[in-house]
Amino acid sequence: MSSRQPTIVLAISRQLGSGGSYIGKAVARRLRLTYADREILEQAARLLGVEDRDLAGFEERVSSLWMQVARVFSMGPPEGLYMPPRPPGVDESDVFEVESRIVREIAEREDAVIVGRGAFYLLRHHQGAIRIFVHAPETWRVERVMQIYDIHDEAEARALVERSDASARSSPR
């Protein structure tokens, strides 16, 4: 019986615009760890037999909020909000189950940095997990959201950050 060392996994949760993904990538590169973020969604889509863009609405609250806003504005003026139909036979619990399994498999298999996807919670009992929450002052995050998402209206960016924060506060931990 092998007494294998547990893998080291940095599970990063973050506020919108705080730089959590950027920090995660930099740490993974510096420590030569596997980086996993959007790749988890892509793998879940393959396993569920759908396109990853079809699962965008099922992503964690902060990501899905931004995806929905971006999708609405890409469709034209927001007179009528467009919500894409759900992929047939796939619901939120399916996506959650598959993404959870992928996160746990990565954590079991290799040292990694995992951003979002509930890893902060899912790996709470993993012996080698280091759970990190990245946050920043709201004014800094608003400026960063404006730059990253090419938003020219500060009030629009601030509203996006505030909605994301409110959504995070209301979600179960």
N, C-alpha and C. Protein backbone atom coordinates (compact mmCIF):
# COMPACT_ATOMS: atom_id res chain seq x y z
N MET A 1 0.84 -1.19 0.00
CA MET A 1 0.00 0.00 0.00
C MET A 1 0.88 1.25 0.00
N SER A 2 0.66 2.10 -0.94
CA SER A 2 1.47 3.31 -1.12
C SER A 2 0.97 4.44 -0.24
N SER A 3 1.91 5.16 0.34
CA SER A 3 1.52 6.33 1.15
C SER A 3 1.84 7.58 0.32
N ARG A 4 1.14 7.73 -0.74
CA ARG A 4 1.32 8.82 -1.68
C ARG A 4 0.99 10.16 -1.04
N GLN A 5 1.83 11.14 -1.30
CA GLN A 5 1.60 12.50 -0.81
C GLN A 5 0.38 13.09 -1.52
N PRO A 6 -0.44 13.84 -0.83
CA PRO A 6 -1.56 14.49 -1.52
C PRO A 6 -1.03 15.55 -2.48
N THR A 7 -1.76 15.76 -3.54
CA THR A 7 -1.38 16.80 -4.49
C THR A 7 -1.59 18.16 -3.83
N ILE A 8 -0.88 19.13 -4.34
CA ILE A 8 -1.04 20.51 -3.89
C ILE A 8 -1.94 21.21 -4.91
N VAL A 9 -3.05 21.74 -4.44
CA VAL A 9 -3.99 22.40 -5.34
C VAL A 9 -4.35 23.76 -4.75
N LEU A 10 -4.10 24.80 -5.52
CA LEU A 10 -4.52 26.13 -5.14
C LEU A 10 -5.90 26.35 -5.74
N ALA A 11 -6.90 26.46 -4.90
CA ALA A 11 -8.28 26.67 -5.32
C ALA A 11 -8.59 28.15 -5.13
N ILE A 12 -8.75 28.84 -6.24
CA ILE A 12 -8.91 30.29 -6.20
C ILE A 12 -10.36 30.68 -6.48
N SER A 13 -10.93 31.41 -5.55
CA SER A 13 -12.22 32.05 -5.72
C SER A 13 -11.92 33.54 -5.79
N ARG A 14 -12.74 34.29 -6.53
CA ARG A 14 -12.40 35.71 -6.68
C ARG A 14 -13.62 36.56 -6.93
N GLN A 15 -13.45 37.86 -6.66
CA GLN A 15 -14.45 38.86 -7.01
C GLN A 15 -14.24 39.24 -8.47
N LEU A 16 -15.32 39.61 -9.14
CA LEU A 16 -15.23 40.07 -10.51
C LEU A 16 -14.28 41.26 -10.59
N GLY A 17 -13.32 41.19 -11.49
CA GLY A 17 -12.40 42.29 -11.71
C GLY A 17 -11.24 42.36 -10.74
N SER A 18 -11.12 41.38 -9.85
CA SER A 18 -10.05 41.43 -8.84
C SER A 18 -8.72 40.90 -9.36
N GLY A 19 -8.72 40.25 -10.50
CA GLY A 19 -7.48 39.72 -11.05
C GLY A 19 -7.20 38.27 -10.64
N GLY A 20 -8.19 37.57 -10.14
CA GLY A 20 -7.99 36.19 -9.69
C GLY A 20 -7.48 35.25 -10.77
N SER A 21 -8.02 35.37 -11.98
CA SER A 21 -7.56 34.52 -13.08
C SER A 21 -6.13 34.87 -13.46
N TYR A 22 -5.85 36.16 -13.52
CA TYR A 22 -4.49 36.62 -13.85
C TYR A 22 -3.49 36.11 -12.81
N ILE A 23 -3.84 36.24 -11.54
CA ILE A 23 -2.95 35.76 -10.46
C ILE A 23 -2.79 34.25 -10.55
N GLY A 24 -3.90 33.54 -10.78
CA GLY A 24 -3.84 32.08 -10.90
C GLY A 24 -2.91 31.63 -12.01
N LYS A 25 -3.02 32.27 -13.18
CA LYS A 25 -2.14 31.93 -14.31
C LYS A 25 -0.68 32.21 -13.98
N ALA A 26 -0.43 33.35 -13.36
CA ALA A 26 0.95 33.72 -13.03
C ALA A 26 1.55 32.75 -12.01
N VAL A 27 0.79 32.37 -11.01
CA VAL A 27 1.28 31.43 -10.00
C VAL A 27 1.53 30.06 -10.63
N ALA A 28 0.59 29.60 -11.45
CA ALA A 28 0.75 28.30 -12.10
C ALA A 28 2.00 28.29 -12.98
N ARG A 29 2.19 29.34 -13.74
CA ARG A 29 3.38 29.44 -14.61
C ARG A 29 4.65 29.45 -13.77
N ARG A 30 4.66 30.26 -12.74
CA ARG A 30 5.85 30.41 -11.90
C ARG A 30 6.21 29.11 -11.18
N LEU A 31 5.19 28.38 -10.68
CA LEU A 31 5.43 27.14 -9.93
C LEU A 31 5.36 25.89 -10.81
N ARG A 32 5.14 26.11 -12.11
CA ARG A 32 5.02 25.02 -13.08
C ARG A 32 3.93 24.03 -12.68
N LEU A 33 2.76 24.58 -12.38
CA LEU A 33 1.60 23.78 -12.02
C LEU A 33 0.61 23.81 -13.19
N THR A 34 -0.23 22.82 -13.25
CA THR A 34 -1.32 22.82 -14.23
C THR A 34 -2.28 23.95 -13.87
N TYR A 35 -2.75 24.66 -14.88
CA TYR A 35 -3.73 25.72 -14.67
C TYR A 35 -5.06 25.25 -15.25
N ALA A 36 -6.11 25.35 -14.48
CA ALA A 36 -7.43 24.92 -14.96
C ALA A 36 -8.47 25.97 -14.61
N ASP A 37 -9.18 26.39 -15.62
CA ASP A 37 -10.27 27.35 -15.45
C ASP A 37 -11.30 27.02 -16.52
N ARG A 38 -11.25 27.68 -17.62
CA ARG A 38 -12.21 27.45 -18.71
C ARG A 38 -12.11 26.03 -19.28
N GLU A 39 -10.93 25.43 -19.16
CA GLU A 39 -10.72 24.07 -19.66
C GLU A 39 -11.69 23.09 -19.02
N ILE A 40 -12.07 23.37 -17.77
CA ILE A 40 -13.01 22.50 -17.06
C ILE A 40 -14.37 22.56 -17.73
N LEU A 41 -14.81 23.75 -18.10
CA LEU A 41 -16.08 23.90 -18.81
C LEU A 41 -16.03 23.18 -20.15
N GLU A 42 -14.92 23.33 -20.87
CA GLU A 42 -14.79 22.69 -22.17
C GLU A 42 -14.83 21.16 -22.04
N GLN A 43 -14.16 20.62 -21.05
CA GLN A 43 -14.18 19.18 -20.83
C GLN A 43 -15.58 18.71 -20.42
N ALA A 44 -16.26 19.48 -19.57
CA ALA A 44 -17.62 19.13 -19.16
C ALA A 44 -18.54 19.10 -20.38
N ALA A 45 -18.39 20.05 -21.28
CA ALA A 45 -19.22 20.08 -22.49
C ALA A 45 -18.99 18.83 -23.32
N ARG A 46 -17.73 18.44 -23.48
CA ARG A 46 -17.44 17.21 -24.25
C ARG A 46 -18.11 16.00 -23.60
N LEU A 47 -17.98 15.90 -22.28
CA LEU A 47 -18.57 14.76 -21.58
C LEU A 47 -20.09 14.74 -21.65
N LEU A 48 -20.70 15.92 -21.70
CA LEU A 48 -22.15 16.02 -21.78
C LEU A 48 -22.66 15.99 -23.23
N GLY A 49 -21.73 16.01 -24.18
CA GLY A 49 -22.11 15.94 -25.58
C GLY A 49 -22.74 17.21 -26.12
N VAL A 50 -22.31 18.36 -25.60
CA VAL A 50 -22.82 19.65 -26.07
C VAL A 50 -21.63 20.57 -26.36
N GLU A 51 -21.93 21.68 -26.98
CA GLU A 51 -20.90 22.70 -27.22
C GLU A 51 -20.64 23.46 -25.93
N ASP A 52 -19.39 23.85 -25.70
CA ASP A 52 -19.09 24.59 -24.47
C ASP A 52 -19.85 25.90 -24.40
N ARG A 53 -20.12 26.53 -25.53
CA ARG A 53 -20.90 27.79 -25.51
C ARG A 53 -22.32 27.54 -25.01
N ASP A 54 -22.83 26.29 -25.19
CA ASP A 54 -24.16 25.97 -24.70
C ASP A 54 -24.21 25.90 -23.17
N LEU A 55 -23.06 25.69 -22.56
CA LEU A 55 -23.00 25.59 -21.10
C LEU A 55 -22.68 26.92 -20.43
N ALA A 56 -22.44 27.95 -21.22
CA ALA A 56 -22.05 29.23 -20.64
C ALA A 56 -23.04 29.73 -19.61
N GLY A 57 -24.32 29.49 -19.82
CA GLY A 57 -25.34 29.93 -18.88
C GLY A 57 -25.32 29.18 -17.57
N PHE A 58 -24.59 28.05 -17.53
CA PHE A 58 -24.53 27.25 -16.32
C PHE A 58 -23.27 27.52 -15.50
N GLU A 59 -22.39 28.35 -16.00
CA GLU A 59 -21.16 28.62 -15.27
C GLU A 59 -21.47 29.25 -13.93
N GLU A 60 -20.45 29.29 -13.10
CA GLU A 60 -20.67 29.89 -11.78
C GLU A 60 -21.25 31.29 -11.92
N ARG A 61 -21.91 31.77 -10.91
CA ARG A 61 -22.72 32.99 -10.98
C ARG A 61 -22.00 34.19 -11.57
N VAL A 62 -20.81 34.47 -11.15
CA VAL A 62 -20.11 35.65 -11.64
C VAL A 62 -19.83 35.52 -13.12
N SER A 63 -19.33 34.37 -13.55
CA SER A 63 -19.02 34.18 -14.97
C SER A 63 -20.28 34.21 -15.80
N SER A 64 -21.32 33.55 -15.33
CA SER A 64 -22.54 33.51 -16.14
C SER A 64 -23.17 34.89 -16.23
N LEU A 65 -23.06 35.68 -15.20
CA LEU A 65 -23.60 37.03 -15.26
C LEU A 65 -22.94 37.80 -16.39
N TRP A 66 -21.62 37.76 -16.45
CA TRP A 66 -20.92 38.49 -17.49
C TRP A 66 -21.26 37.93 -18.87
N MET A 67 -21.32 36.61 -19.00
CA MET A 67 -21.64 36.00 -20.28
C MET A 67 -23.03 36.44 -20.75
N GLN A 68 -23.98 36.50 -19.84
CA GLN A 68 -25.34 36.89 -20.21
C GLN A 68 -25.37 38.35 -20.65
N VAL A 69 -24.67 39.20 -19.92
CA VAL A 69 -24.64 40.63 -20.28
C VAL A 69 -23.98 40.79 -21.65
N ALA A 70 -22.86 40.12 -21.86
CA ALA A 70 -22.16 40.23 -23.14
C ALA A 70 -23.03 39.70 -24.28
N ARG A 71 -23.72 38.61 -24.05
CA ARG A 71 -24.57 38.02 -25.07
C ARG A 71 -25.73 38.96 -25.41
N VAL A 72 -26.31 39.56 -24.39
CA VAL A 72 -27.42 40.49 -24.62
C VAL A 72 -26.96 41.65 -25.48
N PHE A 73 -25.82 42.26 -25.15
CA PHE A 73 -25.36 43.42 -25.90
C PHE A 73 -24.88 43.03 -27.29
N SER A 74 -24.43 41.80 -27.48
CA SER A 74 -24.01 41.38 -28.81
C SER A 74 -25.21 41.19 -29.73
N MET A 75 -26.39 41.04 -29.17
CA MET A 75 -27.61 40.85 -29.96
C MET A 75 -28.21 42.18 -30.40
N GLY A 76 -27.68 43.28 -29.91
CA GLY A 76 -28.23 44.59 -30.28
C GLY A 76 -28.77 45.30 -29.05
N PRO A 77 -29.59 46.30 -29.26
CA PRO A 77 -30.12 47.07 -28.14
C PRO A 77 -30.92 46.18 -27.18
N PRO A 78 -30.86 46.50 -25.90
CA PRO A 78 -31.51 45.63 -24.91
C PRO A 78 -33.01 45.86 -24.74
N GLU A 79 -33.75 46.13 -25.83
CA GLU A 79 -35.19 46.30 -25.69
C GLU A 79 -35.83 45.01 -25.16
N GLY A 80 -35.42 43.91 -25.73
CA GLY A 80 -35.93 42.60 -25.29
C GLY A 80 -34.75 41.73 -24.95
N LEU A 81 -34.68 41.24 -23.75
CA LEU A 81 -33.54 40.42 -23.36
C LEU A 81 -33.63 39.05 -24.01
N TYR A 82 -32.52 38.61 -24.56
CA TYR A 82 -32.44 37.29 -25.18
C TYR A 82 -31.78 36.34 -24.21
N MET A 83 -32.43 35.24 -23.95
CA MET A 83 -31.84 34.19 -23.14
C MET A 83 -31.80 32.94 -24.00
N PRO A 84 -30.62 32.43 -24.30
CA PRO A 84 -30.55 31.26 -25.18
C PRO A 84 -31.22 30.06 -24.52
N PRO A 85 -31.81 29.19 -25.33
CA PRO A 85 -32.44 28.02 -24.75
C PRO A 85 -31.40 27.07 -24.16
N ARG A 86 -31.81 26.32 -23.17
CA ARG A 86 -30.90 25.34 -22.57
C ARG A 86 -30.66 24.21 -23.55
N PRO A 87 -29.46 23.64 -23.51
CA PRO A 87 -29.22 22.48 -24.36
C PRO A 87 -30.18 21.35 -23.96
N PRO A 88 -30.68 20.61 -24.94
CA PRO A 88 -31.63 19.55 -24.60
C PRO A 88 -31.00 18.51 -23.69
N GLY A 89 -31.73 18.14 -22.65
CA GLY A 89 -31.28 17.08 -21.76
C GLY A 89 -30.20 17.45 -20.77
N VAL A 90 -29.78 18.72 -20.74
CA VAL A 90 -28.72 19.14 -19.82
C VAL A 90 -29.31 20.20 -18.90
N ASP A 91 -29.11 20.02 -17.60
CA ASP A 91 -29.55 21.06 -16.67
C ASP A 91 -28.40 21.41 -15.73
N GLU A 92 -28.66 22.38 -14.87
CA GLU A 92 -27.60 22.87 -13.99
C GLU A 92 -26.99 21.78 -13.12
N SER A 93 -27.81 20.86 -12.65
CA SER A 93 -27.28 19.80 -11.80
C SER A 93 -26.33 18.89 -12.58
N ASP A 94 -26.61 18.65 -13.87
CA ASP A 94 -25.71 17.85 -14.71
C ASP A 94 -24.36 18.54 -14.83
N VAL A 95 -24.40 19.82 -15.14
CA VAL A 95 -23.16 20.59 -15.31
C VAL A 95 -22.39 20.62 -14.00
N PHE A 96 -23.09 20.89 -12.89
CA PHE A 96 -22.43 20.93 -11.59
C PHE A 96 -21.77 19.59 -11.27
N GLU A 97 -22.48 18.50 -11.50
CA GLU A 97 -21.95 17.17 -11.20
C GLU A 97 -20.70 16.86 -12.03
N VAL A 98 -20.77 17.13 -13.32
CA VAL A 98 -19.63 16.83 -14.20
C VAL A 98 -18.45 17.73 -13.87
N GLU A 99 -18.68 19.04 -13.70
CA GLU A 99 -17.57 19.94 -13.37
C GLU A 99 -16.97 19.58 -12.01
N SER A 100 -17.79 19.20 -11.06
CA SER A 100 -17.29 18.79 -9.74
C SER A 100 -16.39 17.57 -9.86
N ARG A 101 -16.82 16.62 -10.66
CA ARG A 101 -16.02 15.40 -10.85
C ARG A 101 -14.68 15.75 -11.51
N ILE A 102 -14.70 16.63 -12.50
CA ILE A 102 -13.46 17.03 -13.19
C ILE A 102 -12.52 17.73 -12.22
N VAL A 103 -13.04 18.65 -11.40
CA VAL A 103 -12.21 19.36 -10.42
C VAL A 103 -11.57 18.36 -9.46
N ARG A 104 -12.35 17.43 -8.96
CA ARG A 104 -11.82 16.43 -8.01
C ARG A 104 -10.77 15.53 -8.67
N GLU A 105 -11.01 15.16 -9.93
CA GLU A 105 -10.03 14.33 -10.65
C GLU A 105 -8.72 15.06 -10.84
N ILE A 106 -8.78 16.32 -11.21
CA ILE A 106 -7.55 17.12 -11.36
C ILE A 106 -6.81 17.16 -10.03
N ALA A 107 -7.54 17.45 -8.96
CA ALA A 107 -6.93 17.55 -7.63
C ALA A 107 -6.32 16.23 -7.19
N GLU A 108 -6.91 15.13 -7.56
CA GLU A 108 -6.39 13.81 -7.19
C GLU A 108 -5.15 13.46 -8.00
N ARG A 109 -5.13 13.89 -9.24
CA ARG A 109 -4.11 13.46 -10.20
C ARG A 109 -2.84 14.30 -10.20
N GLU A 110 -2.96 15.63 -10.01
CA GLU A 110 -1.78 16.47 -10.22
C GLU A 110 -1.83 17.76 -9.41
N ASP A 111 -0.65 18.33 -9.20
CA ASP A 111 -0.57 19.64 -8.56
C ASP A 111 -1.12 20.67 -9.55
N ALA A 112 -1.96 21.57 -9.07
CA ALA A 112 -2.63 22.47 -9.99
C ALA A 112 -3.11 23.74 -9.31
N VAL A 113 -3.44 24.71 -10.15
CA VAL A 113 -4.15 25.92 -9.75
C VAL A 113 -5.50 25.83 -10.46
N ILE A 114 -6.57 25.85 -9.67
CA ILE A 114 -7.91 25.78 -10.24
C ILE A 114 -8.65 27.06 -9.86
N VAL A 115 -9.09 27.79 -10.87
CA VAL A 115 -9.79 29.05 -10.64
C VAL A 115 -11.29 28.83 -10.83
N GLY A 116 -12.04 29.22 -9.81
CA GLY A 116 -13.49 29.14 -9.90
C GLY A 116 -14.00 27.71 -9.93
N ARG A 117 -15.12 27.51 -10.61
CA ARG A 117 -15.75 26.21 -10.77
C ARG A 117 -16.09 25.53 -9.45
N GLY A 118 -16.19 26.32 -8.39
CA GLY A 118 -16.55 25.76 -7.09
C GLY A 118 -15.41 25.03 -6.41
N ALA A 119 -14.21 25.08 -6.96
CA ALA A 119 -13.08 24.35 -6.38
C ALA A 119 -12.81 24.77 -4.94
N PHE A 120 -13.01 26.05 -4.65
CA PHE A 120 -12.80 26.57 -3.29
C PHE A 120 -13.60 25.75 -2.29
N TYR A 121 -14.84 25.42 -2.65
CA TYR A 121 -15.73 24.63 -1.79
C TYR A 121 -15.50 23.14 -1.96
N LEU A 122 -15.42 22.69 -3.20
CA LEU A 122 -15.31 21.26 -3.48
C LEU A 122 -14.08 20.61 -2.85
N LEU A 123 -13.01 21.37 -2.76
CA LEU A 123 -11.75 20.81 -2.26
C LEU A 123 -11.49 21.15 -0.80
N ARG A 124 -12.52 21.54 -0.08
CA ARG A 124 -12.35 21.97 1.31
C ARG A 124 -11.78 20.86 2.20
N HIS A 125 -11.96 19.59 1.83
CA HIS A 125 -11.43 18.49 2.64
C HIS A 125 -10.18 17.85 2.02
N HIS A 126 -9.75 18.36 0.89
CA HIS A 126 -8.55 17.83 0.23
C HIS A 126 -7.32 18.24 1.05
N GLN A 127 -6.54 17.27 1.46
CA GLN A 127 -5.40 17.56 2.36
C GLN A 127 -4.41 18.57 1.80
N GLY A 128 -4.21 18.58 0.50
CA GLY A 128 -3.23 19.48 -0.10
C GLY A 128 -3.82 20.75 -0.67
N ALA A 129 -5.07 21.02 -0.36
CA ALA A 129 -5.71 22.21 -0.93
C ALA A 129 -5.32 23.47 -0.16
N ILE A 130 -5.03 24.48 -0.92
CA ILE A 130 -4.80 25.81 -0.38
C ILE A 130 -5.88 26.67 -1.00
N ARG A 131 -6.79 27.14 -0.19
CA ARG A 131 -7.93 27.91 -0.68
C ARG A 131 -7.65 29.39 -0.56
N ILE A 132 -7.81 30.08 -1.68
CA ILE A 132 -7.45 31.49 -1.76
C ILE A 132 -8.64 32.28 -2.28
N PHE A 133 -8.94 33.40 -1.63
CA PHE A 133 -9.98 34.29 -2.11
C PHE A 133 -9.31 35.60 -2.52
N VAL A 134 -9.44 35.97 -3.78
CA VAL A 134 -8.83 37.19 -4.30
C VAL A 134 -9.89 38.28 -4.31
N HIS A 135 -9.56 39.38 -3.67
CA HIS A 135 -10.47 40.52 -3.63
C HIS A 135 -9.69 41.79 -3.85
N ALA A 136 -10.39 42.86 -4.14
CA ALA A 136 -9.75 44.15 -4.36
C ALA A 136 -10.79 45.23 -4.10
N PRO A 137 -10.34 46.46 -3.88
CA PRO A 137 -11.30 47.56 -3.68
C PRO A 137 -12.21 47.71 -4.89
N GLU A 138 -13.45 48.07 -4.63
CA GLU A 138 -14.44 48.19 -5.70
C GLU A 138 -13.99 49.16 -6.79
N THR A 139 -13.43 50.30 -6.42
CA THR A 139 -13.04 51.28 -7.44
C THR A 139 -11.99 50.69 -8.40
N TRP A 140 -11.06 49.93 -7.86
CA TRP A 140 -10.03 49.29 -8.69
C TRP A 140 -10.66 48.25 -9.61
N ARG A 141 -11.61 47.48 -9.07
CA ARG A 141 -12.27 46.44 -9.87
C ARG A 141 -13.12 47.06 -10.98
N VAL A 142 -13.77 48.18 -10.69
CA VAL A 142 -14.58 48.86 -11.72
C VAL A 142 -13.67 49.30 -12.86
N GLU A 143 -12.53 49.90 -12.54
CA GLU A 143 -11.58 50.33 -13.57
C GLU A 143 -11.09 49.14 -14.39
N ARG A 144 -10.79 48.04 -13.71
CA ARG A 144 -10.29 46.84 -14.39
C ARG A 144 -11.36 46.23 -15.28
N VAL A 145 -12.60 46.16 -14.81
CA VAL A 145 -13.70 45.64 -15.62
C VAL A 145 -13.88 46.50 -16.87
N MET A 146 -13.75 47.82 -16.73
CA MET A 146 -13.87 48.71 -17.88
C MET A 146 -12.79 48.39 -18.92
N GLN A 147 -11.56 48.15 -18.46
CA GLN A 147 -10.45 47.85 -19.37
C GLN A 147 -10.62 46.48 -20.02
N ILE A 148 -10.86 45.46 -19.20
CA ILE A 148 -10.89 44.09 -19.70
C ILE A 148 -12.05 43.86 -20.66
N TYR A 149 -13.22 44.37 -20.31
CA TYR A 149 -14.41 44.11 -21.11
C TYR A 149 -14.76 45.26 -22.05
N ASP A 150 -13.84 46.23 -22.16
CA ASP A 150 -14.02 47.36 -23.06
C ASP A 150 -15.36 48.07 -22.84
N ILE A 151 -15.61 48.37 -21.57
CA ILE A 151 -16.81 49.11 -21.19
C ILE A 151 -16.39 50.57 -21.00
N HIS A 152 -17.08 51.47 -21.66
CA HIS A 152 -16.70 52.88 -21.63
C HIS A 152 -17.48 53.69 -20.59
N ASP A 153 -18.52 53.12 -20.06
CA ASP A 153 -19.36 53.81 -19.10
C ASP A 153 -19.07 53.28 -17.69
N GLU A 154 -18.52 54.15 -16.84
CA GLU A 154 -18.16 53.74 -15.49
C GLU A 154 -19.38 53.24 -14.70
N ALA A 155 -20.52 53.88 -14.88
CA ALA A 155 -21.73 53.45 -14.16
C ALA A 155 -22.13 52.04 -14.56
N GLU A 156 -21.98 51.71 -15.83
CA GLU A 156 -22.30 50.36 -16.31
C GLU A 156 -21.35 49.33 -15.69
N ALA A 157 -20.06 49.65 -15.66
CA ALA A 157 -19.08 48.74 -15.07
C ALA A 157 -19.32 48.57 -13.57
N ARG A 158 -19.62 49.68 -12.89
CA ARG A 158 -19.90 49.63 -11.45
C ARG A 158 -21.14 48.77 -11.17
N ALA A 159 -22.17 48.92 -11.99
CA ALA A 159 -23.39 48.12 -11.82
C ALA A 159 -23.08 46.63 -12.01
N LEU A 160 -22.23 46.31 -12.96
CA LEU A 160 -21.84 44.92 -13.20
C LEU A 160 -21.11 44.35 -11.98
N VAL A 161 -20.18 45.12 -11.44
CA VAL A 161 -19.43 44.69 -10.24
C VAL A 161 -20.38 44.53 -9.06
N GLU A 162 -21.28 45.49 -8.87
CA GLU A 162 -22.21 45.43 -7.74
C GLU A 162 -23.16 44.24 -7.86
N ARG A 163 -23.65 43.97 -9.07
CA ARG A 163 -24.53 42.80 -9.27
C ARG A 163 -23.78 41.51 -8.99
N SER A 164 -22.54 41.46 -9.42
CA SER A 164 -21.72 40.27 -9.18
C SER A 164 -21.50 40.07 -7.68
N ASP A 165 -21.20 41.14 -6.97
CA ASP A 165 -21.00 41.05 -5.52
C ASP A 165 -22.29 40.62 -4.82
N ALA A 166 -23.41 41.18 -5.25
CA ALA A 166 -24.70 40.82 -4.63
C ALA A 166 -25.02 39.35 -4.89
N SER A 167 -24.75 38.89 -6.09
CA SER A 167 -24.99 37.49 -6.44
C SER A 167 -24.12 36.58 -5.58
N ALA A 168 -22.87 36.96 -5.38
CA ALA A 168 -21.96 36.15 -4.54
C ALA A 168 -22.43 36.12 -3.09
N ARG A 169 -22.95 37.25 -2.60
CA ARG A 169 -23.43 37.29 -1.21
C ARG A 169 -24.67 36.41 -1.02
N SER A 170 -25.49 36.31 -2.05
CA SER A 170 -26.74 35.55 -1.91
C SER A 170 -26.59 34.08 -2.23
N SER A 171 -25.44 33.68 -2.80
CA SER A 171 -25.28 32.26 -3.13
C SER A 171 -24.85 31.48 -1.89
N PRO A 172 -25.33 30.22 -1.79
CA PRO A 172 -24.98 29.39 -0.64
C PRO A 172 -23.50 29.04 -0.67
N ARG A 173 -22.90 29.00 0.47
CA ARG A 173 -21.46 28.69 0.56
C ARG A 173 -21.24 27.25 0.92
